[in-house]
Amino acid sequence: MNLTQMIMLTAFLLGLMGLTFHRTYLLSALLCLEAIMLALFIALALWSLQLASANFSPAPLLLLAFSACEAGAGLALLIASARTHGDTQLKSLALLQC
């Protein structure tokens, strides 16, 4: 395992650990999800560059587009929960309540 793979694995695991252990607020969970997606994007882009193929690989761009959509939906959810509940703590959001 070379240095870039080790760094990408470390970045992914740090984002995953942050998502696992720091789930108090919705914004911190969204930031950890964005860190995971960014680590995956960079790893996928570097992997497609290391293959050195002449073909264009759309996978990193698709992952980046899905990450942007996820960020937009997450921020909309953050604003909606802040307006309705008054705070953005995850424990105050109940899935079975309307």
N, C-alpha and C. Protein backbone atom coordinates (compact mmCIF):
# COMPACT_ATOMS: atom_id res chain seq x y z
N MET A 1 0.86 -1.17 0.00
CA MET A 1 0.00 0.00 0.00
C MET A 1 0.91 1.24 0.00
N ASN A 2 0.73 2.07 -0.99
CA ASN A 2 1.58 3.25 -1.08
C ASN A 2 1.02 4.40 -0.23
N LEU A 3 1.70 5.51 -0.23
CA LEU A 3 1.37 6.62 0.66
C LEU A 3 0.03 7.26 0.32
N THR A 4 -0.29 7.42 -0.96
CA THR A 4 -1.56 8.07 -1.31
C THR A 4 -2.75 7.20 -0.92
N GLN A 5 -2.62 5.89 -1.09
CA GLN A 5 -3.70 5.00 -0.67
C GLN A 5 -3.87 5.03 0.84
N MET A 6 -2.77 5.12 1.56
CA MET A 6 -2.84 5.19 3.02
C MET A 6 -3.50 6.49 3.48
N ILE A 7 -3.19 7.59 2.81
CA ILE A 7 -3.79 8.88 3.17
C ILE A 7 -5.28 8.89 2.87
N MET A 8 -5.68 8.33 1.72
CA MET A 8 -7.10 8.28 1.38
C MET A 8 -7.87 7.37 2.33
N LEU A 9 -7.28 6.25 2.71
CA LEU A 9 -7.91 5.36 3.67
C LEU A 9 -8.05 6.03 5.03
N THR A 10 -7.03 6.77 5.43
CA THR A 10 -7.08 7.48 6.70
C THR A 10 -8.14 8.57 6.68
N ALA A 11 -8.24 9.31 5.58
CA ALA A 11 -9.26 10.35 5.47
C ALA A 11 -10.66 9.76 5.50
N PHE A 12 -10.85 8.63 4.81
CA PHE A 12 -12.16 7.97 4.82
C PHE A 12 -12.51 7.48 6.21
N LEU A 13 -11.55 6.86 6.89
CA LEU A 13 -11.82 6.34 8.23
C LEU A 13 -12.04 7.45 9.25
N LEU A 14 -11.36 8.57 9.10
CA LEU A 14 -11.60 9.71 9.99
C LEU A 14 -13.00 10.27 9.81
N GLY A 15 -13.45 10.36 8.57
CA GLY A 15 -14.82 10.81 8.32
C GLY A 15 -15.84 9.83 8.86
N LEU A 16 -15.57 8.54 8.72
CA LEU A 16 -16.48 7.52 9.22
C LEU A 16 -16.52 7.51 10.74
N MET A 17 -15.37 7.68 11.38
CA MET A 17 -15.34 7.74 12.85
C MET A 17 -16.01 9.00 13.36
N GLY A 18 -15.84 10.10 12.65
CA GLY A 18 -16.51 11.32 13.04
C GLY A 18 -18.02 11.19 12.92
N LEU A 19 -18.47 10.51 11.89
CA LEU A 19 -19.91 10.28 11.71
C LEU A 19 -20.44 9.35 12.78
N THR A 20 -19.63 8.40 13.20
CA THR A 20 -20.07 7.44 14.21
C THR A 20 -20.12 8.05 15.61
N PHE A 21 -19.11 8.82 15.97
CA PHE A 21 -18.99 9.28 17.35
C PHE A 21 -19.52 10.67 17.61
N HIS A 22 -19.61 11.53 16.61
CA HIS A 22 -20.02 12.92 16.82
C HIS A 22 -21.33 13.20 16.10
N ARG A 23 -22.40 12.54 16.54
CA ARG A 23 -23.69 12.71 15.90
C ARG A 23 -24.62 13.58 16.73
N THR A 24 -24.12 14.57 17.39
CA THR A 24 -25.00 15.41 18.21
C THR A 24 -25.80 16.36 17.35
N TYR A 25 -25.14 17.02 16.44
CA TYR A 25 -25.80 18.01 15.60
C TYR A 25 -25.85 17.52 14.15
N LEU A 26 -26.86 17.99 13.45
CA LEU A 26 -27.04 17.59 12.06
C LEU A 26 -25.92 18.14 11.18
N LEU A 27 -25.44 19.33 11.48
CA LEU A 27 -24.38 19.93 10.66
C LEU A 27 -23.08 19.15 10.78
N SER A 28 -22.74 18.65 11.96
CA SER A 28 -21.51 17.87 12.10
C SER A 28 -21.63 16.53 11.37
N ALA A 29 -22.83 15.94 11.37
CA ALA A 29 -23.02 14.70 10.62
C ALA A 29 -22.90 14.95 9.12
N LEU A 30 -23.44 16.08 8.66
CA LEU A 30 -23.32 16.40 7.23
C LEU A 30 -21.88 16.68 6.83
N LEU A 31 -21.13 17.34 7.70
CA LEU A 31 -19.72 17.60 7.40
C LEU A 31 -18.92 16.30 7.33
N CYS A 32 -19.22 15.35 8.21
CA CYS A 32 -18.54 14.06 8.15
C CYS A 32 -18.90 13.30 6.88
N LEU A 33 -20.16 13.38 6.47
CA LEU A 33 -20.54 12.75 5.21
C LEU A 33 -19.83 13.38 4.02
N GLU A 34 -19.68 14.69 4.06
CA GLU A 34 -18.95 15.36 2.98
C GLU A 34 -17.47 14.97 2.98
N ALA A 35 -16.89 14.78 4.15
CA ALA A 35 -15.49 14.34 4.21
C ALA A 35 -15.33 12.94 3.63
N ILE A 36 -16.29 12.07 3.91
CA ILE A 36 -16.26 10.72 3.35
C ILE A 36 -16.38 10.77 1.83
N MET A 37 -17.31 11.56 1.35
CA MET A 37 -17.50 11.66 -0.11
C MET A 37 -16.29 12.29 -0.79
N LEU A 38 -15.67 13.27 -0.16
CA LEU A 38 -14.48 13.89 -0.75
C LEU A 38 -13.31 12.92 -0.79
N ALA A 39 -13.15 12.12 0.26
CA ALA A 39 -12.09 11.11 0.26
C ALA A 39 -12.33 10.08 -0.83
N LEU A 40 -13.58 9.67 -0.99
CA LEU A 40 -13.89 8.72 -2.07
C LEU A 40 -13.67 9.32 -3.45
N PHE A 41 -14.03 10.60 -3.61
CA PHE A 41 -13.83 11.26 -4.90
C PHE A 41 -12.35 11.34 -5.25
N ILE A 42 -11.54 11.77 -4.31
CA ILE A 42 -10.11 11.90 -4.57
C ILE A 42 -9.49 10.52 -4.84
N ALA A 43 -9.90 9.52 -4.06
CA ALA A 43 -9.36 8.18 -4.27
C ALA A 43 -9.76 7.63 -5.64
N LEU A 44 -11.00 7.85 -6.03
CA LEU A 44 -11.46 7.36 -7.33
C LEU A 44 -10.79 8.11 -8.49
N ALA A 45 -10.58 9.41 -8.31
CA ALA A 45 -9.90 10.18 -9.35
C ALA A 45 -8.43 9.77 -9.48
N LEU A 46 -7.77 9.54 -8.35
CA LEU A 46 -6.38 9.10 -8.41
C LEU A 46 -6.27 7.69 -8.98
N TRP A 47 -7.24 6.85 -8.67
CA TRP A 47 -7.22 5.49 -9.21
C TRP A 47 -7.39 5.50 -10.72
N SER A 48 -8.28 6.37 -11.22
CA SER A 48 -8.45 6.43 -12.68
C SER A 48 -7.23 7.04 -13.36
N LEU A 49 -6.52 7.93 -12.66
CA LEU A 49 -5.28 8.47 -13.23
C LEU A 49 -4.15 7.44 -13.21
N GLN A 50 -4.12 6.59 -12.19
CA GLN A 50 -3.08 5.58 -12.11
C GLN A 50 -3.25 4.49 -13.17
N LEU A 51 -4.49 4.27 -13.62
CA LEU A 51 -4.70 3.29 -14.68
C LEU A 51 -4.13 3.76 -16.00
N ALA A 52 -4.05 5.08 -16.17
CA ALA A 52 -3.47 5.70 -17.37
C ALA A 52 -4.14 5.22 -18.65
N SER A 53 -5.42 5.07 -18.59
CA SER A 53 -6.13 4.67 -19.79
C SER A 53 -6.51 5.91 -20.60
N ALA A 54 -6.70 5.72 -21.87
CA ALA A 54 -7.04 6.85 -22.74
C ALA A 54 -8.53 7.19 -22.63
N ASN A 55 -9.33 6.27 -22.10
CA ASN A 55 -10.76 6.51 -21.97
C ASN A 55 -11.04 7.47 -20.81
N PHE A 56 -12.10 8.23 -20.97
CA PHE A 56 -12.54 9.14 -19.92
C PHE A 56 -13.39 8.36 -18.93
N SER A 57 -13.08 8.48 -17.65
CA SER A 57 -13.84 7.79 -16.62
C SER A 57 -14.83 8.77 -15.98
N PRO A 58 -16.12 8.56 -16.17
CA PRO A 58 -17.10 9.48 -15.61
C PRO A 58 -17.41 9.22 -14.13
N ALA A 59 -16.85 8.19 -13.55
CA ALA A 59 -17.19 7.82 -12.17
C ALA A 59 -16.85 8.91 -11.15
N PRO A 60 -15.67 9.55 -11.20
CA PRO A 60 -15.42 10.62 -10.22
C PRO A 60 -16.37 11.81 -10.37
N LEU A 61 -16.72 12.14 -11.59
CA LEU A 61 -17.63 13.27 -11.79
C LEU A 61 -19.05 12.93 -11.33
N LEU A 62 -19.47 11.69 -11.53
CA LEU A 62 -20.78 11.28 -11.04
C LEU A 62 -20.81 11.29 -9.51
N LEU A 63 -19.74 10.82 -8.89
CA LEU A 63 -19.65 10.84 -7.43
C LEU A 63 -19.67 12.27 -6.91
N LEU A 64 -19.00 13.17 -7.59
CA LEU A 64 -18.99 14.57 -7.17
C LEU A 64 -20.37 15.21 -7.34
N ALA A 65 -21.07 14.84 -8.40
CA ALA A 65 -22.43 15.37 -8.61
C ALA A 65 -23.39 14.85 -7.54
N PHE A 66 -23.29 13.56 -7.21
CA PHE A 66 -24.14 13.02 -6.15
C PHE A 66 -23.80 13.63 -4.80
N SER A 67 -22.54 13.93 -4.59
CA SER A 67 -22.12 14.57 -3.34
C SER A 67 -22.70 15.97 -3.23
N ALA A 68 -22.72 16.69 -4.34
CA ALA A 68 -23.31 18.04 -4.32
C ALA A 68 -24.81 17.98 -4.08
N CYS A 69 -25.48 17.00 -4.67
CA CYS A 69 -26.92 16.83 -4.44
C CYS A 69 -27.19 16.46 -2.99
N GLU A 70 -26.34 15.62 -2.42
CA GLU A 70 -26.49 15.23 -1.02
C GLU A 70 -26.28 16.42 -0.10
N ALA A 71 -25.34 17.27 -0.44
CA ALA A 71 -25.10 18.47 0.38
C ALA A 71 -26.27 19.43 0.30
N GLY A 72 -26.82 19.60 -0.87
CA GLY A 72 -27.99 20.48 -1.01
C GLY A 72 -29.19 19.96 -0.25
N ALA A 73 -29.44 18.65 -0.35
CA ALA A 73 -30.57 18.07 0.38
C ALA A 73 -30.34 18.12 1.89
N GLY A 74 -29.11 17.92 2.30
CA GLY A 74 -28.79 17.99 3.73
C GLY A 74 -28.95 19.38 4.29
N LEU A 75 -28.52 20.39 3.55
CA LEU A 75 -28.68 21.76 4.03
C LEU A 75 -30.15 22.17 4.04
N ALA A 76 -30.92 21.69 3.09
CA ALA A 76 -32.36 21.98 3.10
C ALA A 76 -33.02 21.32 4.31
N LEU A 77 -32.58 20.11 4.64
CA LEU A 77 -33.09 19.43 5.83
C LEU A 77 -32.67 20.16 7.10
N LEU A 78 -31.47 20.69 7.11
CA LEU A 78 -30.98 21.45 8.26
C LEU A 78 -31.82 22.70 8.48
N ILE A 79 -32.11 23.42 7.43
CA ILE A 79 -32.92 24.64 7.54
C ILE A 79 -34.34 24.30 7.96
N ALA A 80 -34.90 23.25 7.38
CA ALA A 80 -36.26 22.86 7.73
C ALA A 80 -36.37 22.43 9.19
N SER A 81 -35.40 21.68 9.67
CA SER A 81 -35.45 21.26 11.07
C SER A 81 -35.18 22.41 12.02
N ALA A 82 -34.35 23.36 11.61
CA ALA A 82 -34.11 24.52 12.47
C ALA A 82 -35.34 25.40 12.55
N ARG A 83 -36.10 25.47 11.47
CA ARG A 83 -37.32 26.29 11.49
C ARG A 83 -38.45 25.63 12.27
N THR A 84 -38.59 24.32 12.14
CA THR A 84 -39.71 23.66 12.80
C THR A 84 -39.43 23.29 14.25
N HIS A 85 -38.22 22.80 14.54
CA HIS A 85 -37.91 22.34 15.89
C HIS A 85 -37.16 23.37 16.73
N GLY A 86 -36.57 24.34 16.11
CA GLY A 86 -35.84 25.35 16.85
C GLY A 86 -34.38 25.02 17.09
N ASP A 87 -33.98 23.78 16.96
CA ASP A 87 -32.57 23.42 17.09
C ASP A 87 -32.25 22.34 16.06
N THR A 88 -30.97 22.03 15.96
CA THR A 88 -30.54 21.07 14.94
C THR A 88 -29.91 19.84 15.56
N GLN A 89 -30.25 19.54 16.81
CA GLN A 89 -29.73 18.33 17.42
C GLN A 89 -30.45 17.11 16.85
N LEU A 90 -29.69 16.06 16.62
CA LEU A 90 -30.27 14.88 16.00
C LEU A 90 -31.19 14.12 16.95
N LYS A 91 -30.97 14.24 18.26
CA LYS A 91 -31.82 13.51 19.19
C LYS A 91 -33.21 14.11 19.29
N SER A 92 -33.37 15.38 18.90
CA SER A 92 -34.69 16.00 18.95
C SER A 92 -35.52 15.70 17.72
N LEU A 93 -34.91 15.14 16.69
CA LEU A 93 -35.63 14.79 15.47
C LEU A 93 -36.16 13.37 15.58
N ALA A 94 -37.45 13.22 15.62
CA ALA A 94 -38.05 11.89 15.67
C ALA A 94 -38.56 11.55 14.28
N LEU A 95 -38.28 10.34 13.84
CA LEU A 95 -38.67 9.93 12.50
C LEU A 95 -40.15 9.59 12.40
N LEU A 96 -40.80 9.26 13.50
CA LEU A 96 -42.19 8.85 13.45
C LEU A 96 -43.15 10.01 13.67
N GLN A 97 -42.65 11.19 13.95
CA GLN A 97 -43.50 12.36 14.12
C GLN A 97 -43.58 13.14 12.83
N CYS A 98 -44.72 13.79 12.63
CA CYS A 98 -44.87 14.65 11.45
C CYS A 98 -44.62 16.09 11.84
